[in-house]
Amino acid sequence: MDFLTLARERYSVRAFSDKPIEPEKMERILEAGRLAPTACNNQPQRIYVLKSQEALTKINSLSRCIFGAPVVLLFAYDTAREWNSPLEAGIHAGDQDVSIVATHMMLEAWELGIGSCWVNLFPNTKTAEAFGLPDTVRPVLLMPIGYAAEGAKPAPRHFQSKDLTELVTEL
């Protein structure tokens, strides 16, 4: 599938089947994240694969947006490894790096027939505490992944896009 077709067809899955993700497919999804670019290639991302019953119960108690997924990826970054701008205090790349990594993994999953949903609705600090993350590790997003349930479909506004003239300005 060419990239624009993949980008056009991929949608946020909000209903998952209980079919497990094959280990070789999970490995490919994780590899896509490893290959993603990060600022100065510092690779500050930390990806926690939540799939045990204990981990899934815990994450379901923290977010209503897990949608019955058999696996939830918790994306975070290590502040001790992220790039910080030498030109301006407070400018850093941890959130952006994790977003690039998550996007690569989300698109690889779709290429493999596996759905996902980008979730920001969770308590970041409580989640870090619940999973015992090191003090320097900051959660950024959750990504429930798995095979879409029968009847899963895109949200009504999924295929609505603004015209490029509303989004792009040439200077």
N, C-alpha and C. Protein backbone atom coordinates (compact mmCIF):
# COMPACT_ATOMS: atom_id res chain seq x y z
N MET A 1 0.85 -1.17 0.00
CA MET A 1 0.00 0.00 0.00
C MET A 1 0.89 1.24 0.00
N ASP A 2 0.58 2.22 -0.82
CA ASP A 2 1.39 3.43 -0.80
C ASP A 2 1.04 4.26 0.43
N PHE A 3 1.93 5.17 0.80
CA PHE A 3 1.79 5.88 2.06
C PHE A 3 0.51 6.70 2.15
N LEU A 4 0.17 7.46 1.12
CA LEU A 4 -1.03 8.29 1.19
C LEU A 4 -2.30 7.45 1.33
N THR A 5 -2.32 6.29 0.71
CA THR A 5 -3.46 5.39 0.87
C THR A 5 -3.54 4.91 2.31
N LEU A 6 -2.40 4.50 2.86
CA LEU A 6 -2.36 4.06 4.26
C LEU A 6 -2.83 5.18 5.19
N ALA A 7 -2.32 6.39 4.98
CA ALA A 7 -2.69 7.53 5.82
C ALA A 7 -4.18 7.86 5.68
N ARG A 8 -4.72 7.73 4.50
CA ARG A 8 -6.13 8.03 4.25
C ARG A 8 -7.04 6.98 4.88
N GLU A 9 -6.65 5.72 4.82
CA GLU A 9 -7.52 4.63 5.27
C GLU A 9 -7.44 4.36 6.77
N ARG A 10 -6.33 4.68 7.39
CA ARG A 10 -6.17 4.41 8.82
C ARG A 10 -7.14 5.26 9.64
N TYR A 11 -7.76 4.65 10.62
CA TYR A 11 -8.64 5.40 11.52
C TYR A 11 -8.43 4.91 12.95
N SER A 12 -8.90 5.69 13.90
CA SER A 12 -8.78 5.33 15.32
C SER A 12 -9.80 4.26 15.65
N VAL A 13 -9.32 3.09 16.04
CA VAL A 13 -10.19 1.98 16.39
C VAL A 13 -10.59 2.13 17.85
N ARG A 14 -11.89 2.09 18.10
CA ARG A 14 -12.40 2.25 19.45
C ARG A 14 -13.23 1.05 19.90
N ALA A 15 -13.02 -0.08 19.25
CA ALA A 15 -13.65 -1.34 19.64
C ALA A 15 -12.74 -2.46 19.14
N PHE A 16 -12.23 -3.26 20.06
CA PHE A 16 -11.26 -4.29 19.71
C PHE A 16 -11.81 -5.68 19.95
N SER A 17 -11.35 -6.62 19.14
CA SER A 17 -11.66 -8.04 19.37
C SER A 17 -10.68 -8.56 20.41
N ASP A 18 -10.91 -9.77 20.85
CA ASP A 18 -9.98 -10.37 21.82
C ASP A 18 -8.89 -11.20 21.14
N LYS A 19 -8.82 -11.14 19.81
CA LYS A 19 -7.78 -11.86 19.07
C LYS A 19 -6.41 -11.31 19.47
N PRO A 20 -5.50 -12.17 19.89
CA PRO A 20 -4.17 -11.67 20.28
C PRO A 20 -3.33 -11.23 19.07
N ILE A 21 -2.45 -10.30 19.33
CA ILE A 21 -1.51 -9.84 18.30
C ILE A 21 -0.38 -10.87 18.23
N GLU A 22 -0.09 -11.33 17.04
CA GLU A 22 0.97 -12.32 16.85
C GLU A 22 2.32 -11.70 17.26
N PRO A 23 3.19 -12.49 17.94
CA PRO A 23 4.47 -11.95 18.41
C PRO A 23 5.31 -11.32 17.29
N GLU A 24 5.31 -11.92 16.10
CA GLU A 24 6.12 -11.36 15.01
C GLU A 24 5.57 -10.02 14.55
N LYS A 25 4.26 -9.83 14.60
CA LYS A 25 3.69 -8.54 14.24
C LYS A 25 3.98 -7.50 15.32
N MET A 26 3.90 -7.90 16.58
CA MET A 26 4.23 -6.98 17.67
C MET A 26 5.68 -6.54 17.56
N GLU A 27 6.55 -7.47 17.19
CA GLU A 27 7.97 -7.15 17.02
C GLU A 27 8.18 -6.11 15.91
N ARG A 28 7.45 -6.26 14.82
CA ARG A 28 7.55 -5.29 13.71
C ARG A 28 7.06 -3.91 14.14
N ILE A 29 5.99 -3.87 14.90
CA ILE A 29 5.46 -2.59 15.38
C ILE A 29 6.48 -1.92 16.29
N LEU A 30 7.08 -2.67 17.19
CA LEU A 30 8.09 -2.12 18.10
C LEU A 30 9.34 -1.68 17.32
N GLU A 31 9.70 -2.43 16.30
CA GLU A 31 10.86 -2.08 15.47
C GLU A 31 10.62 -0.76 14.73
N ALA A 32 9.38 -0.54 14.28
CA ALA A 32 9.06 0.73 13.62
C ALA A 32 9.32 1.90 14.56
N GLY A 33 9.04 1.72 15.84
CA GLY A 33 9.33 2.76 16.82
C GLY A 33 10.81 2.95 17.05
N ARG A 34 11.54 1.87 17.04
CA ARG A 34 12.99 1.95 17.23
C ARG A 34 13.66 2.70 16.08
N LEU A 35 13.11 2.56 14.88
CA LEU A 35 13.69 3.19 13.70
C LEU A 35 13.27 4.65 13.52
N ALA A 36 12.30 5.10 14.29
CA ALA A 36 11.80 6.47 14.15
C ALA A 36 12.87 7.49 14.50
N PRO A 37 12.89 8.62 13.80
CA PRO A 37 13.87 9.65 14.13
C PRO A 37 13.52 10.36 15.44
N THR A 38 14.57 10.73 16.17
CA THR A 38 14.42 11.55 17.37
C THR A 38 15.50 12.63 17.33
N ALA A 39 15.29 13.69 18.09
CA ALA A 39 16.24 14.80 18.08
C ALA A 39 17.63 14.31 18.46
N CYS A 40 18.60 14.60 17.60
CA CYS A 40 20.00 14.18 17.77
C CYS A 40 20.14 12.68 18.00
N ASN A 41 19.12 11.93 17.59
CA ASN A 41 19.08 10.48 17.78
C ASN A 41 19.30 10.08 19.24
N ASN A 42 18.83 10.91 20.17
CA ASN A 42 18.97 10.61 21.60
C ASN A 42 18.08 9.45 22.04
N GLN A 43 17.04 9.16 21.30
CA GLN A 43 16.14 8.05 21.58
C GLN A 43 15.68 8.03 23.04
N PRO A 44 15.00 9.11 23.48
CA PRO A 44 14.56 9.17 24.86
C PRO A 44 13.28 8.37 25.14
N GLN A 45 12.67 7.82 24.09
CA GLN A 45 11.39 7.15 24.26
C GLN A 45 11.52 5.91 25.13
N ARG A 46 10.46 5.68 25.88
CA ARG A 46 10.32 4.47 26.66
C ARG A 46 8.93 3.95 26.35
N ILE A 47 8.85 2.71 25.90
CA ILE A 47 7.58 2.12 25.50
C ILE A 47 7.29 0.95 26.43
N TYR A 48 6.19 1.05 27.14
CA TYR A 48 5.77 0.00 28.06
C TYR A 48 4.61 -0.74 27.41
N VAL A 49 4.77 -2.06 27.24
CA VAL A 49 3.76 -2.90 26.61
C VAL A 49 2.91 -3.49 27.73
N LEU A 50 1.69 -2.99 27.86
CA LEU A 50 0.78 -3.43 28.90
C LEU A 50 -0.11 -4.53 28.33
N LYS A 51 0.13 -5.75 28.77
CA LYS A 51 -0.68 -6.85 28.24
C LYS A 51 -1.06 -7.90 29.29
N SER A 52 -0.43 -7.86 30.46
CA SER A 52 -0.84 -8.79 31.51
C SER A 52 -2.20 -8.36 32.03
N GLN A 53 -2.93 -9.29 32.61
CA GLN A 53 -4.24 -8.94 33.17
C GLN A 53 -4.11 -7.86 34.23
N GLU A 54 -3.06 -7.95 35.04
CA GLU A 54 -2.83 -6.95 36.08
C GLU A 54 -2.60 -5.55 35.47
N ALA A 55 -1.76 -5.47 34.45
CA ALA A 55 -1.47 -4.18 33.81
C ALA A 55 -2.71 -3.62 33.12
N LEU A 56 -3.48 -4.47 32.44
CA LEU A 56 -4.68 -4.00 31.74
C LEU A 56 -5.75 -3.53 32.73
N THR A 57 -5.89 -4.25 33.84
CA THR A 57 -6.84 -3.82 34.87
C THR A 57 -6.44 -2.46 35.42
N LYS A 58 -5.15 -2.29 35.66
CA LYS A 58 -4.65 -1.03 36.19
C LYS A 58 -4.89 0.12 35.21
N ILE A 59 -4.56 -0.08 33.93
CA ILE A 59 -4.71 1.02 32.97
C ILE A 59 -6.19 1.31 32.71
N ASN A 60 -7.02 0.29 32.74
CA ASN A 60 -8.47 0.50 32.59
C ASN A 60 -9.04 1.30 33.76
N SER A 61 -8.43 1.20 34.93
CA SER A 61 -8.90 1.99 36.08
C SER A 61 -8.46 3.45 35.97
N LEU A 62 -7.49 3.72 35.12
CA LEU A 62 -6.95 5.08 34.96
C LEU A 62 -7.51 5.82 33.74
N SER A 63 -8.01 5.08 32.76
CA SER A 63 -8.53 5.71 31.54
C SER A 63 -9.74 4.94 31.04
N ARG A 64 -10.74 5.68 30.63
CA ARG A 64 -11.94 5.04 30.05
C ARG A 64 -11.76 4.76 28.57
N CYS A 65 -10.59 5.10 28.02
CA CYS A 65 -10.37 5.02 26.57
C CYS A 65 -9.45 3.88 26.17
N ILE A 66 -9.65 2.71 26.76
CA ILE A 66 -8.84 1.53 26.40
C ILE A 66 -9.60 0.67 25.39
N PHE A 67 -10.92 0.77 25.40
CA PHE A 67 -11.79 0.19 24.36
C PHE A 67 -11.67 -1.32 24.21
N GLY A 68 -11.30 -2.02 25.29
CA GLY A 68 -11.22 -3.47 25.23
C GLY A 68 -10.01 -4.01 24.48
N ALA A 69 -9.00 -3.19 24.28
CA ALA A 69 -7.80 -3.63 23.55
C ALA A 69 -7.05 -4.70 24.35
N PRO A 70 -6.49 -5.68 23.65
CA PRO A 70 -5.71 -6.72 24.33
C PRO A 70 -4.32 -6.26 24.74
N VAL A 71 -3.86 -5.14 24.16
CA VAL A 71 -2.55 -4.57 24.46
C VAL A 71 -2.71 -3.06 24.48
N VAL A 72 -2.05 -2.43 25.44
CA VAL A 72 -1.99 -0.97 25.48
C VAL A 72 -0.52 -0.58 25.55
N LEU A 73 -0.10 0.29 24.65
CA LEU A 73 1.26 0.80 24.68
C LEU A 73 1.24 2.12 25.46
N LEU A 74 2.11 2.20 26.44
CA LEU A 74 2.28 3.43 27.22
C LEU A 74 3.57 4.06 26.73
N PHE A 75 3.45 5.22 26.10
CA PHE A 75 4.60 5.93 25.54
C PHE A 75 5.05 7.00 26.52
N ALA A 76 6.34 7.03 26.77
CA ALA A 76 6.91 8.01 27.68
C ALA A 76 8.29 8.39 27.16
N TYR A 77 8.89 9.38 27.82
CA TYR A 77 10.27 9.73 27.48
C TYR A 77 11.04 9.98 28.76
N ASP A 78 12.34 9.76 28.66
CA ASP A 78 13.24 9.97 29.78
C ASP A 78 13.82 11.37 29.67
N THR A 79 13.52 12.21 30.65
CA THR A 79 13.99 13.59 30.60
C THR A 79 15.51 13.69 30.65
N ALA A 80 16.16 12.66 31.16
CA ALA A 80 17.62 12.66 31.19
C ALA A 80 18.23 12.36 29.83
N ARG A 81 17.40 11.88 28.88
CA ARG A 81 17.90 11.52 27.54
C ARG A 81 17.38 12.44 26.45
N GLU A 82 16.39 13.27 26.73
CA GLU A 82 15.81 14.11 25.69
C GLU A 82 16.75 15.24 25.31
N TRP A 83 16.58 15.73 24.08
CA TRP A 83 17.34 16.87 23.59
C TRP A 83 16.77 18.14 24.21
N ASN A 84 17.67 19.04 24.63
CA ASN A 84 17.30 20.35 25.14
C ASN A 84 18.01 21.40 24.31
N SER A 85 17.30 22.45 23.93
CA SER A 85 17.86 23.49 23.09
C SER A 85 18.96 24.25 23.82
N PRO A 86 20.11 24.42 23.15
CA PRO A 86 21.15 25.26 23.74
C PRO A 86 20.88 26.75 23.53
N LEU A 87 19.84 27.06 22.75
CA LEU A 87 19.54 28.45 22.41
C LEU A 87 18.47 29.09 23.28
N GLU A 88 17.60 28.25 23.85
CA GLU A 88 16.48 28.80 24.62
C GLU A 88 16.06 27.83 25.70
N ALA A 89 16.05 28.28 26.93
CA ALA A 89 15.64 27.44 28.05
C ALA A 89 14.19 27.01 27.89
N GLY A 90 13.91 25.79 28.29
CA GLY A 90 12.55 25.28 28.25
C GLY A 90 12.13 24.67 26.93
N ILE A 91 12.97 24.75 25.92
CA ILE A 91 12.66 24.13 24.63
C ILE A 91 13.32 22.76 24.62
N HIS A 92 12.50 21.74 24.52
CA HIS A 92 13.01 20.37 24.55
C HIS A 92 12.19 19.50 23.60
N ALA A 93 12.64 18.29 23.34
CA ALA A 93 12.03 17.49 22.28
C ALA A 93 11.39 16.18 22.74
N GLY A 94 11.27 15.94 24.03
CA GLY A 94 10.72 14.67 24.49
C GLY A 94 9.34 14.35 23.96
N ASP A 95 8.41 15.31 24.09
CA ASP A 95 7.05 15.07 23.60
C ASP A 95 7.03 14.82 22.09
N GLN A 96 7.80 15.63 21.35
CA GLN A 96 7.83 15.47 19.90
C GLN A 96 8.44 14.13 19.51
N ASP A 97 9.53 13.77 20.16
CA ASP A 97 10.18 12.48 19.85
C ASP A 97 9.21 11.33 20.06
N VAL A 98 8.52 11.33 21.19
CA VAL A 98 7.57 10.26 21.48
C VAL A 98 6.44 10.26 20.45
N SER A 99 6.00 11.44 20.04
CA SER A 99 4.93 11.52 19.05
C SER A 99 5.36 10.94 17.70
N ILE A 100 6.59 11.21 17.30
CA ILE A 100 7.11 10.63 16.05
C ILE A 100 7.17 9.10 16.17
N VAL A 101 7.69 8.61 17.27
CA VAL A 101 7.80 7.17 17.51
C VAL A 101 6.41 6.52 17.47
N ALA A 102 5.47 7.12 18.18
CA ALA A 102 4.11 6.57 18.24
C ALA A 102 3.46 6.55 16.86
N THR A 103 3.67 7.60 16.08
CA THR A 103 3.10 7.66 14.74
C THR A 103 3.67 6.56 13.86
N HIS A 104 4.97 6.35 13.91
CA HIS A 104 5.57 5.26 13.12
C HIS A 104 4.94 3.92 13.51
N MET A 105 4.78 3.69 14.80
CA MET A 105 4.24 2.42 15.27
C MET A 105 2.76 2.26 14.90
N MET A 106 2.01 3.34 15.01
CA MET A 106 0.59 3.33 14.67
C MET A 106 0.39 2.99 13.19
N LEU A 107 1.23 3.57 12.33
CA LEU A 107 1.09 3.31 10.90
C LEU A 107 1.58 1.92 10.52
N GLU A 108 2.63 1.44 11.16
CA GLU A 108 3.08 0.06 10.91
C GLU A 108 2.01 -0.93 11.35
N ALA A 109 1.39 -0.67 12.49
CA ALA A 109 0.32 -1.55 12.96
C ALA A 109 -0.79 -1.63 11.91
N TRP A 110 -1.20 -0.48 11.39
CA TRP A 110 -2.27 -0.48 10.38
C TRP A 110 -1.87 -1.26 9.14
N GLU A 111 -0.63 -1.07 8.72
CA GLU A 111 -0.11 -1.82 7.56
C GLU A 111 -0.23 -3.33 7.79
N LEU A 112 -0.13 -3.74 9.05
CA LEU A 112 -0.20 -5.17 9.41
C LEU A 112 -1.63 -5.62 9.72
N GLY A 113 -2.61 -4.72 9.56
CA GLY A 113 -4.00 -5.08 9.83
C GLY A 113 -4.40 -4.92 11.28
N ILE A 114 -3.61 -4.19 12.05
CA ILE A 114 -3.85 -4.01 13.48
C ILE A 114 -4.25 -2.56 13.73
N GLY A 115 -5.36 -2.38 14.43
CA GLY A 115 -5.86 -1.05 14.72
C GLY A 115 -5.26 -0.47 15.97
N SER A 116 -5.43 0.83 16.13
CA SER A 116 -4.92 1.53 17.31
C SER A 116 -5.74 2.80 17.53
N CYS A 117 -5.53 3.41 18.67
CA CYS A 117 -6.15 4.69 18.97
C CYS A 117 -5.18 5.49 19.83
N TRP A 118 -4.93 6.71 19.45
CA TRP A 118 -4.06 7.63 20.19
C TRP A 118 -4.88 8.20 21.34
N VAL A 119 -4.45 8.01 22.58
CA VAL A 119 -5.22 8.43 23.74
C VAL A 119 -4.42 9.38 24.62
N ASN A 120 -5.00 10.56 24.83
CA ASN A 120 -4.41 11.53 25.76
C ASN A 120 -5.22 11.64 27.04
N LEU A 121 -6.39 11.02 27.10
CA LEU A 121 -7.27 11.15 28.25
C LEU A 121 -6.90 10.12 29.33
N PHE A 122 -5.89 10.50 30.11
CA PHE A 122 -5.47 9.69 31.24
C PHE A 122 -4.66 10.59 32.17
N PRO A 123 -4.60 10.26 33.47
CA PRO A 123 -3.83 11.09 34.40
C PRO A 123 -2.35 10.71 34.34
N ASN A 124 -1.56 11.55 33.70
CA ASN A 124 -0.15 11.22 33.44
C ASN A 124 0.61 10.90 34.73
N THR A 125 0.50 11.75 35.73
CA THR A 125 1.26 11.56 36.97
C THR A 125 0.80 10.31 37.70
N LYS A 126 -0.50 10.11 37.82
CA LYS A 126 -1.01 8.89 38.50
C LYS A 126 -0.60 7.63 37.75
N THR A 127 -0.57 7.72 36.42
CA THR A 127 -0.17 6.55 35.62
C THR A 127 1.30 6.22 35.87
N ALA A 128 2.14 7.23 35.90
CA ALA A 128 3.56 7.00 36.20
C ALA A 128 3.72 6.36 37.57
N GLU A 129 2.97 6.82 38.54
CA GLU A 129 3.03 6.26 39.89
C GLU A 129 2.51 4.83 39.91
N ALA A 130 1.38 4.59 39.23
CA ALA A 130 0.76 3.26 39.24
C ALA A 130 1.67 2.20 38.65
N PHE A 131 2.46 2.57 37.65
CA PHE A 131 3.34 1.61 37.00
C PHE A 131 4.78 1.69 37.49
N GLY A 132 5.02 2.51 38.51
CA GLY A 132 6.35 2.59 39.11
C GLY A 132 7.42 3.10 38.16
N LEU A 133 7.07 4.07 37.31
CA LEU A 133 8.06 4.60 36.37
C LEU A 133 9.10 5.42 37.12
N PRO A 134 10.33 5.42 36.65
CA PRO A 134 11.37 6.24 37.28
C PRO A 134 10.98 7.73 37.27
N ASP A 135 11.51 8.48 38.20
CA ASP A 135 11.18 9.90 38.32
C ASP A 135 11.49 10.70 37.06
N THR A 136 12.46 10.27 36.28
CA THR A 136 12.83 11.02 35.07
C THR A 136 11.98 10.64 33.86
N VAL A 137 11.08 9.69 33.99
CA VAL A 137 10.28 9.22 32.86
C VAL A 137 8.90 9.85 32.90
N ARG A 138 8.52 10.52 31.80
CA ARG A 138 7.26 11.24 31.68
C ARG A 138 6.33 10.55 30.68
N PRO A 139 5.17 10.06 31.13
CA PRO A 139 4.18 9.51 30.19
C PRO A 139 3.63 10.60 29.28
N VAL A 140 3.39 10.25 28.02
CA VAL A 140 2.87 11.20 27.04
C VAL A 140 1.53 10.74 26.48
N LEU A 141 1.42 9.47 26.12
CA LEU A 141 0.18 8.98 25.52
C LEU A 141 0.03 7.49 25.74
N LEU A 142 -1.20 7.04 25.59
CA LEU A 142 -1.53 5.62 25.59
C LEU A 142 -1.95 5.26 24.18
N MET A 143 -1.68 4.02 23.78
CA MET A 143 -2.14 3.56 22.48
C MET A 143 -2.69 2.14 22.61
N PRO A 144 -4.01 2.01 22.81
CA PRO A 144 -4.61 0.68 22.75
C PRO A 144 -4.42 0.14 21.33
N ILE A 145 -3.99 -1.10 21.21
CA ILE A 145 -3.82 -1.70 19.88
C ILE A 145 -4.37 -3.12 19.88
N GLY A 146 -4.77 -3.55 18.70
CA GLY A 146 -5.29 -4.90 18.53
C GLY A 146 -6.10 -4.97 17.25
N TYR A 147 -6.71 -6.10 17.03
CA TYR A 147 -7.56 -6.28 15.86
C TYR A 147 -8.91 -5.63 16.14
N ALA A 148 -9.42 -4.92 15.16
CA ALA A 148 -10.71 -4.25 15.31
C ALA A 148 -11.82 -5.28 15.51
N ALA A 149 -12.76 -4.93 16.35
CA ALA A 149 -13.93 -5.77 16.56
C ALA A 149 -14.81 -5.73 15.32
N GLU A 150 -15.60 -6.75 15.16
CA GLU A 150 -16.59 -6.77 14.08
C GLU A 150 -17.46 -5.53 14.20
N GLY A 151 -17.62 -4.82 13.10
CA GLY A 151 -18.46 -3.63 13.12
C GLY A 151 -17.75 -2.34 13.52
N ALA A 152 -16.46 -2.41 13.87
CA ALA A 152 -15.72 -1.18 14.20
C ALA A 152 -15.66 -0.31 12.96
N LYS A 153 -15.77 0.99 13.17
CA LYS A 153 -15.75 1.91 12.03
C LYS A 153 -15.18 3.24 12.47
N PRO A 154 -14.77 4.06 11.51
CA PRO A 154 -14.22 5.37 11.85
C PRO A 154 -15.27 6.28 12.50
N ALA A 155 -14.80 7.22 13.29
CA ALA A 155 -15.69 8.24 13.85
C ALA A 155 -16.30 9.04 12.71
N PRO A 156 -17.48 9.61 12.91
CA PRO A 156 -18.17 10.32 11.82
C PRO A 156 -17.33 11.41 11.15
N ARG A 157 -16.50 12.11 11.89
CA ARG A 157 -15.72 13.21 11.29
C ARG A 157 -14.37 12.75 10.73
N HIS A 158 -14.08 11.47 10.77
CA HIS A 158 -12.76 10.98 10.36
C HIS A 158 -12.36 11.42 8.95
N PHE A 159 -13.28 11.35 8.03
CA PHE A 159 -12.95 11.63 6.63
C PHE A 159 -13.15 13.10 6.25
N GLN A 160 -13.39 13.96 7.22
CA GLN A 160 -13.52 15.38 6.96
C GLN A 160 -12.17 16.05 7.14
N SER A 161 -11.68 16.69 6.12
CA SER A 161 -10.41 17.41 6.19
C SER A 161 -10.58 18.80 5.61
N LYS A 162 -9.92 19.73 6.23
CA LYS A 162 -9.93 21.09 5.71
C LYS A 162 -9.15 21.12 4.41
N ASP A 163 -9.45 22.10 3.59
CA ASP A 163 -8.72 22.30 2.36
C ASP A 163 -7.29 22.75 2.70
N LEU A 164 -6.34 22.37 1.86
CA LEU A 164 -4.95 22.76 2.09
C LEU A 164 -4.78 24.27 2.21
N THR A 165 -5.61 25.05 1.52
CA THR A 165 -5.48 26.50 1.59
C THR A 165 -5.78 27.03 2.99
N GLU A 166 -6.51 26.27 3.81
CA GLU A 166 -6.78 26.67 5.19
C GLU A 166 -5.65 26.26 6.13
N LEU A 167 -4.80 25.37 5.70
CA LEU A 167 -3.78 24.79 6.57
C LEU A 167 -2.35 25.23 6.24
N VAL A 168 -2.13 25.66 5.02
CA VAL A 168 -0.78 25.93 4.55
C VAL A 168 -0.67 27.39 4.12
N THR A 169 0.39 28.02 4.56
CA THR A 169 0.70 29.40 4.14
C THR A 169 2.11 29.45 3.62
N GLU A 170 2.26 29.92 2.41
CA GLU A 170 3.60 30.10 1.86
C GLU A 170 4.07 31.49 2.21
N LEU A 171 5.30 31.58 2.68
CA LEU A 171 5.87 32.88 3.06
C LEU A 171 7.01 33.24 2.14
